């Protein structure tokens, strides 16, 4: 995500953004830096086998 966000910020002439990977209405929550789909870690959910962007790591601290 870093390079994509850097390019977006540069294009918009901005220096900061807010990122929120959680979307509770879709069952996505973050707890202690780990993204969950329902009660499963992202990398243990069906998203692990996504054909274009497999999700192999649920840990994504935003510091």
PDB file of N, CA and C in Angstrom:
ATOM      1  N   UNK A   1       0.813  -1.192   0.000  1.00  0.00           N
ATOM      2  CA  UNK A   1       0.000   0.000   0.000  1.00  0.00           C
ATOM      3  C   UNK A   1       0.855   1.254   0.000  1.00  0.00           C
ATOM      4  N   UNK A   2       2.008   1.211   0.600  1.00  0.00           N
ATOM      5  CA  UNK A   2       2.834   2.396   0.737  1.00  0.00           C
ATOM      6  C   UNK A   2       3.101   3.137  -0.559  1.00  0.00           C
ATOM      7  N   UNK A   3       3.639   2.456  -1.597  1.00  0.00           N
ATOM      8  CA  UNK A   3       3.929   3.151  -2.851  1.00  0.00           C
ATOM      9  C   UNK A   3       2.679   3.724  -3.525  1.00  0.00           C
ATOM     10  N   UNK A   4       1.576   3.018  -3.429  1.00  0.00           N
ATOM     11  CA  UNK A   4       0.329   3.512  -4.027  1.00  0.00           C
ATOM     12  C   UNK A   4      -0.135   4.770  -3.307  1.00  0.00           C
ATOM     13  N   UNK A   5      -0.089   4.744  -1.983  1.00  0.00           N
ATOM     14  CA  UNK A   5      -0.488   5.932  -1.224  1.00  0.00           C
ATOM     15  C   UNK A   5       0.459   7.096  -1.476  1.00  0.00           C
ATOM     16  N   UNK A   6       1.755   6.820  -1.583  1.00  0.00           N
ATOM     17  CA  UNK A   6       2.715   7.880  -1.884  1.00  0.00           C
ATOM     18  C   UNK A   6       2.391   8.538  -3.221  1.00  0.00           C
ATOM     19  N   UNK A   7       2.090   7.729  -4.232  1.00  0.00           N
ATOM     20  CA  UNK A   7       1.758   8.269  -5.555  1.00  0.00           C
ATOM     21  C   UNK A   7       0.467   9.078  -5.512  1.00  0.00           C
ATOM     22  N   UNK A   8      -0.528   8.578  -4.798  1.00  0.00           N
ATOM     23  CA  UNK A   8      -1.800   9.288  -4.679  1.00  0.00           C
ATOM     24  C   UNK A   8      -1.611  10.634  -3.987  1.00  0.00           C
ATOM     25  N   UNK A   9      -0.869  10.638  -2.886  1.00  0.00           N
ATOM     26  CA  UNK A   9      -0.624  11.885  -2.167  1.00  0.00           C
ATOM     27  C   UNK A   9       0.144  12.881  -3.032  1.00  0.00           C
ATOM     28  N   UNK A  10       1.133  12.393  -3.770  1.00  0.00           N
ATOM     29  CA  UNK A  10       1.906  13.276  -4.649  1.00  0.00           C
ATOM     30  C   UNK A  10       1.006  13.880  -5.722  1.00  0.00           C
ATOM     31  N   UNK A  11       0.154  13.065  -6.311  1.00  0.00           N
ATOM     32  CA  UNK A  11      -0.763  13.545  -7.358  1.00  0.00           C
ATOM     33  C   UNK A  11      -1.723  14.596  -6.818  1.00  0.00           C
ATOM     34  N   UNK A  12      -2.170  14.408  -5.597  1.00  0.00           N
ATOM     35  CA  UNK A  12      -3.122  15.340  -4.988  1.00  0.00           C
ATOM     36  C   UNK A  12      -2.443  16.532  -4.319  1.00  0.00           C
ATOM     37  N   UNK A  13      -1.115  16.480  -4.221  1.00  0.00           N
ATOM     38  CA  UNK A  13      -0.392  17.560  -3.562  1.00  0.00           C
ATOM     39  C   UNK A  13      -0.602  17.578  -2.056  1.00  0.00           C
ATOM     40  N   UNK A  14      -0.859  16.421  -1.501  1.00  0.00           N
ATOM     41  CA  UNK A  14      -1.097  16.295  -0.057  1.00  0.00           C
ATOM     42  C   UNK A  14       0.082  15.592   0.604  1.00  0.00           C
ATOM     43  N   UNK A  15       0.159  15.704   1.922  1.00  0.00           N
ATOM     44  CA  UNK A  15       1.242  15.046   2.661  1.00  0.00           C
ATOM     45  C   UNK A  15       0.743  14.014   3.658  1.00  0.00           C
ATOM     46  N   UNK A  16      -0.556  14.007   3.936  1.00  0.00           N
ATOM     47  CA  UNK A  16      -1.113  13.072   4.926  1.00  0.00           C
ATOM     48  C   UNK A  16      -2.440  12.500   4.441  1.00  0.00           C
ATOM     49  N   UNK A  17      -2.746  11.332   4.972  1.00  0.00           N
ATOM     50  CA  UNK A  17      -4.035  10.713   4.690  1.00  0.00           C
ATOM     51  C   UNK A  17      -4.449   9.877   5.893  1.00  0.00           C
ATOM     52  N   UNK A  18      -5.680   9.455   5.907  1.00  0.00           N
ATOM     53  CA  UNK A  18      -6.197   8.572   6.948  1.00  0.00           C
ATOM     54  C   UNK A  18      -6.548   7.248   6.287  1.00  0.00           C
ATOM     55  N   UNK A  19      -6.105   6.157   6.896  1.00  0.00           N
ATOM     56  CA  UNK A  19      -6.389   4.820   6.373  1.00  0.00           C
ATOM     57  C   UNK A  19      -7.173   4.056   7.423  1.00  0.00           C
ATOM     58  N   UNK A  20      -8.240   3.425   6.993  1.00  0.00           N
ATOM     59  CA  UNK A  20      -9.040   2.624   7.913  1.00  0.00           C
ATOM     60  C   UNK A  20      -9.404   1.304   7.244  1.00  0.00           C
ATOM     61  N   UNK A  21      -8.633   0.235   7.517  1.00  0.00           N
ATOM     62  CA  UNK A  21      -8.934  -1.050   6.900  1.00  0.00           C
ATOM     63  C   UNK A  21     -10.186  -1.713   7.475  1.00  0.00           C
ATOM     64  N   UNK A  22     -10.666  -1.218   8.613  1.00  0.00           N
ATOM     65  CA  UNK A  22     -11.853  -1.807   9.237  1.00  0.00           C
ATOM     66  C   UNK A  22     -13.117  -1.271   8.580  1.00  0.00           C
ATOM     67  N   UNK A  23     -14.072  -2.157   8.361  1.00  0.00           N
ATOM     68  CA  UNK A  23     -15.394  -1.782   7.868  1.00  0.00           C
ATOM     69  C   UNK A  23     -16.378  -2.768   8.499  1.00  0.00           C
ATOM     70  N   UNK A  24     -16.773  -2.483   9.745  1.00  0.00           N
ATOM     71  CA  UNK A  24     -17.599  -3.429  10.496  1.00  0.00           C
ATOM     72  C   UNK A  24     -18.860  -3.898   9.770  1.00  0.00           C
ATOM     73  N   UNK A  25     -19.468  -3.038   8.943  1.00  0.00           N
ATOM     74  CA  UNK A  25     -20.673  -3.459   8.226  1.00  0.00           C
ATOM     75  C   UNK A  25     -20.377  -4.642   7.292  1.00  0.00           C
ATOM     76  N   UNK A  26     -19.114  -4.792   6.873  1.00  0.00           N
ATOM     77  CA  UNK A  26     -18.703  -5.923   6.039  1.00  0.00           C
ATOM     78  C   UNK A  26     -17.954  -6.985   6.836  1.00  0.00           C
ATOM     79  N   UNK A  27     -18.020  -6.880   8.159  1.00  0.00           N
ATOM     80  CA  UNK A  27     -17.374  -7.875   9.006  1.00  0.00           C
ATOM     81  C   UNK A  27     -15.876  -7.690   9.149  1.00  0.00           C
ATOM     82  N   UNK A  28     -15.338  -6.552   8.718  1.00  0.00           N
ATOM     83  CA  UNK A  28     -13.896  -6.290   8.820  1.00  0.00           C
ATOM     84  C   UNK A  28     -13.623  -5.455  10.058  1.00  0.00           C
ATOM     85  N   UNK A  29     -12.806  -5.982  10.944  1.00  0.00           N
ATOM     86  CA  UNK A  29     -12.415  -5.250  12.147  1.00  0.00           C
ATOM     87  C   UNK A  29     -10.909  -5.391  12.347  1.00  0.00           C
ATOM     88  N   UNK A  30     -10.348  -4.474  13.118  1.00  0.00           N
ATOM     89  CA  UNK A  30      -8.924  -4.520  13.450  1.00  0.00           C
ATOM     90  C   UNK A  30      -8.806  -4.600  14.960  1.00  0.00           C
ATOM     91  N   UNK A  31      -7.972  -5.532  15.427  1.00  0.00           N
ATOM     92  CA  UNK A  31      -7.714  -5.677  16.853  1.00  0.00           C
ATOM     93  C   UNK A  31      -6.221  -5.861  17.041  1.00  0.00           C
ATOM     94  N   UNK A  32      -5.608  -4.960  17.794  1.00  0.00           N
ATOM     95  CA  UNK A  32      -4.173  -4.989  18.089  1.00  0.00           C
ATOM     96  C   UNK A  32      -3.324  -5.140  16.822  1.00  0.00           C
ATOM     97  N   UNK A  33      -3.723  -4.433  15.770  1.00  0.00           N
ATOM     98  CA  UNK A  33      -2.949  -4.431  14.534  1.00  0.00           C
ATOM     99  C   UNK A  33      -3.245  -5.579  13.588  1.00  0.00           C
ATOM    100  N   UNK A  34      -4.214  -6.433  13.915  1.00  0.00           N
ATOM    101  CA  UNK A  34      -4.566  -7.570  13.066  1.00  0.00           C
ATOM    102  C   UNK A  34      -5.946  -7.362  12.463  1.00  0.00           C
ATOM    103  N   UNK A  35      -6.065  -7.606  11.158  1.00  0.00           N
ATOM    104  CA  UNK A  35      -7.330  -7.456  10.452  1.00  0.00           C
ATOM    105  C   UNK A  35      -8.100  -8.771  10.482  1.00  0.00           C
ATOM    106  N   UNK A  36      -9.343  -8.685  10.906  1.00  0.00           N
ATOM    107  CA  UNK A  36     -10.222  -9.850  10.990  1.00  0.00           C
ATOM    108  C   UNK A  36     -11.356  -9.737   9.985  1.00  0.00           C
ATOM    109  N   UNK A  37     -11.779 -10.885   9.473  1.00  0.00           N
ATOM    110  CA  UNK A  37     -12.982 -11.002   8.659  1.00  0.00           C
ATOM    111  C   UNK A  37     -13.915 -11.871   9.491  1.00  0.00           C
ATOM    112  N   UNK A  38     -14.932 -11.259  10.061  1.00  0.00           N
ATOM    113  CA  UNK A  38     -15.745 -11.974  11.040  1.00  0.00           C
ATOM    114  C   UNK A  38     -14.860 -12.296  12.232  1.00  0.00           C
ATOM    115  N   UNK A  39     -14.782 -13.564  12.583  1.00  0.00           N
ATOM    116  CA  UNK A  39     -13.939 -13.980  13.706  1.00  0.00           C
ATOM    117  C   UNK A  39     -12.613 -14.584  13.255  1.00  0.00           C
ATOM    118  N   UNK A  40     -12.344 -14.573  11.937  1.00  0.00           N
ATOM    119  CA  UNK A  40     -11.113 -15.159  11.406  1.00  0.00           C
ATOM    120  C   UNK A  40     -10.105 -14.079  11.056  1.00  0.00           C
ATOM    121  N   UNK A  41      -8.838 -14.394  11.263  1.00  0.00           N
ATOM    122  CA  UNK A  41      -7.793 -13.512  10.758  1.00  0.00           C
ATOM    123  C   UNK A  41      -7.916 -13.449   9.239  1.00  0.00           C
ATOM    124  N   UNK A  42      -7.604 -12.307   8.663  1.00  0.00           N
ATOM    125  CA  UNK A  42      -7.711 -12.131   7.215  1.00  0.00           C
ATOM    126  C   UNK A  42      -6.995 -13.240   6.459  1.00  0.00           C
ATOM    127  N   UNK A  43      -5.773 -13.586   6.891  1.00  0.00           N
ATOM    128  CA  UNK A  43      -4.996 -14.601   6.182  1.00  0.00           C
ATOM    129  C   UNK A  43      -5.502 -16.021   6.410  1.00  0.00           C
ATOM    130  N   UNK A  44      -6.496 -16.192   7.258  1.00  0.00           N
ATOM    131  CA  UNK A  44      -7.108 -17.508   7.454  1.00  0.00           C
ATOM    132  C   UNK A  44      -8.497 -17.559   6.825  1.00  0.00           C
ATOM    133  N   UNK A  45      -8.919 -16.465   6.224  1.00  0.00           N
ATOM    134  CA  UNK A  45     -10.238 -16.392   5.592  1.00  0.00           C
ATOM    135  C   UNK A  45     -10.124 -16.798   4.120  1.00  0.00           C
ATOM    136  N   UNK A  46     -11.227 -16.772   3.420  1.00  0.00           N
ATOM    137  CA  UNK A  46     -11.235 -17.077   1.993  1.00  0.00           C
ATOM    138  C   UNK A  46     -10.394 -16.107   1.178  1.00  0.00           C
ATOM    139  N   UNK A  47     -10.094 -14.935   1.739  1.00  0.00           N
ATOM    140  CA  UNK A  47      -9.279 -13.942   1.031  1.00  0.00           C
ATOM    141  C   UNK A  47      -7.827 -14.391   0.868  1.00  0.00           C
ATOM    142  N   UNK A  48      -7.436 -15.399   1.615  1.00  0.00           N
ATOM    143  CA  UNK A  48      -6.063 -15.914   1.488  1.00  0.00           C
ATOM    144  C   UNK A  48      -5.796 -16.405   0.067  1.00  0.00           C
ATOM    145  N   UNK A  49      -6.835 -16.884  -0.600  1.00  0.00           N
ATOM    146  CA  UNK A  49      -6.682 -17.466  -1.940  1.00  0.00           C
ATOM    147  C   UNK A  49      -7.214 -16.546  -3.034  1.00  0.00           C
ATOM    148  N   UNK A  50      -7.291 -15.254  -2.779  1.00  0.00           N
ATOM    149  CA  UNK A  50      -7.772 -14.310  -3.784  1.00  0.00           C
ATOM    150  C   UNK A  50      -6.899 -14.444  -5.035  1.00  0.00           C
ATOM    151  N   UNK A  51      -7.505 -14.543  -6.233  1.00  0.00           N
ATOM    152  CA  UNK A  51      -6.728 -14.806  -7.449  1.00  0.00           C
ATOM    153  C   UNK A  51      -5.785 -13.672  -7.863  1.00  0.00           C
ATOM    154  N   UNK A  52      -6.075 -12.443  -7.487  1.00  0.00           N
ATOM    155  CA  UNK A  52      -5.235 -11.320  -7.901  1.00  0.00           C
ATOM    156  C   UNK A  52      -4.337 -10.830  -6.769  1.00  0.00           C
ATOM    157  N   UNK A  53      -4.918 -10.676  -5.591  1.00  0.00           N
ATOM    158  CA  UNK A  53      -4.158 -10.163  -4.447  1.00  0.00           C
ATOM    159  C   UNK A  53      -4.394 -11.039  -3.227  1.00  0.00           C
ATOM    160  N   UNK A  54      -3.730 -12.207  -3.167  1.00  0.00           N
ATOM    161  CA  UNK A  54      -3.916 -13.083  -2.009  1.00  0.00           C
ATOM    162  C   UNK A  54      -3.473 -12.390  -0.722  1.00  0.00           C
ATOM    163  N   UNK A  55      -4.283 -12.534   0.297  1.00  0.00           N
ATOM    164  CA  UNK A  55      -4.018 -11.898   1.586  1.00  0.00           C
ATOM    165  C   UNK A  55      -3.326 -12.909   2.491  1.00  0.00           C
ATOM    166  N   UNK A  56      -2.013 -12.815   2.566  1.00  0.00           N
ATOM    167  CA  UNK A  56      -1.229 -13.804   3.298  1.00  0.00           C
ATOM    168  C   UNK A  56      -0.807 -13.353   4.684  1.00  0.00           C
ATOM    169  N   UNK A  57      -1.100 -12.103   5.037  1.00  0.00           N
ATOM    170  CA  UNK A  57      -0.682 -11.592   6.341  1.00  0.00           C
ATOM    171  C   UNK A  57      -1.753 -10.664   6.888  1.00  0.00           C
ATOM    172  N   UNK A  58      -2.271 -10.974   8.057  1.00  0.00           N
ATOM    173  CA  UNK A  58      -3.321 -10.156   8.672  1.00  0.00           C
ATOM    174  C   UNK A  58      -2.752  -9.022   9.504  1.00  0.00           C
ATOM    175  N   UNK A  59      -1.453  -9.049   9.766  1.00  0.00           N
ATOM    176  CA  UNK A  59      -0.840  -8.029  10.628  1.00  0.00           C
ATOM    177  C   UNK A  59      -0.461  -6.819   9.789  1.00  0.00           C
ATOM    178  N   UNK A  60      -0.945  -5.678  10.186  1.00  0.00           N
ATOM    179  CA  UNK A  60      -0.653  -4.455   9.446  1.00  0.00           C
ATOM    180  C   UNK A  60      -0.694  -3.241  10.330  1.00  0.00           C
ATOM    181  N   UNK A  61       0.240  -3.135  11.269  1.00  0.00           N
ATOM    182  CA  UNK A  61       0.209  -1.972  12.151  1.00  0.00           C
ATOM    183  C   UNK A  61       0.413  -0.690  11.356  1.00  0.00           C
ATOM    184  N   UNK A  62      -0.336   0.315  11.708  1.00  0.00           N
ATOM    185  CA  UNK A  62      -0.249   1.601  11.019  1.00  0.00           C
ATOM    186  C   UNK A  62       0.440   2.593  11.942  1.00  0.00           C
ATOM    187  N   UNK A  63       1.753   2.655  11.870  1.00  0.00           N
ATOM    188  CA  UNK A  63       2.481   3.621  12.691  1.00  0.00           C
ATOM    189  C   UNK A  63       3.132   4.623  11.789  1.00  0.00           C
TER     190      UNK A  63
END
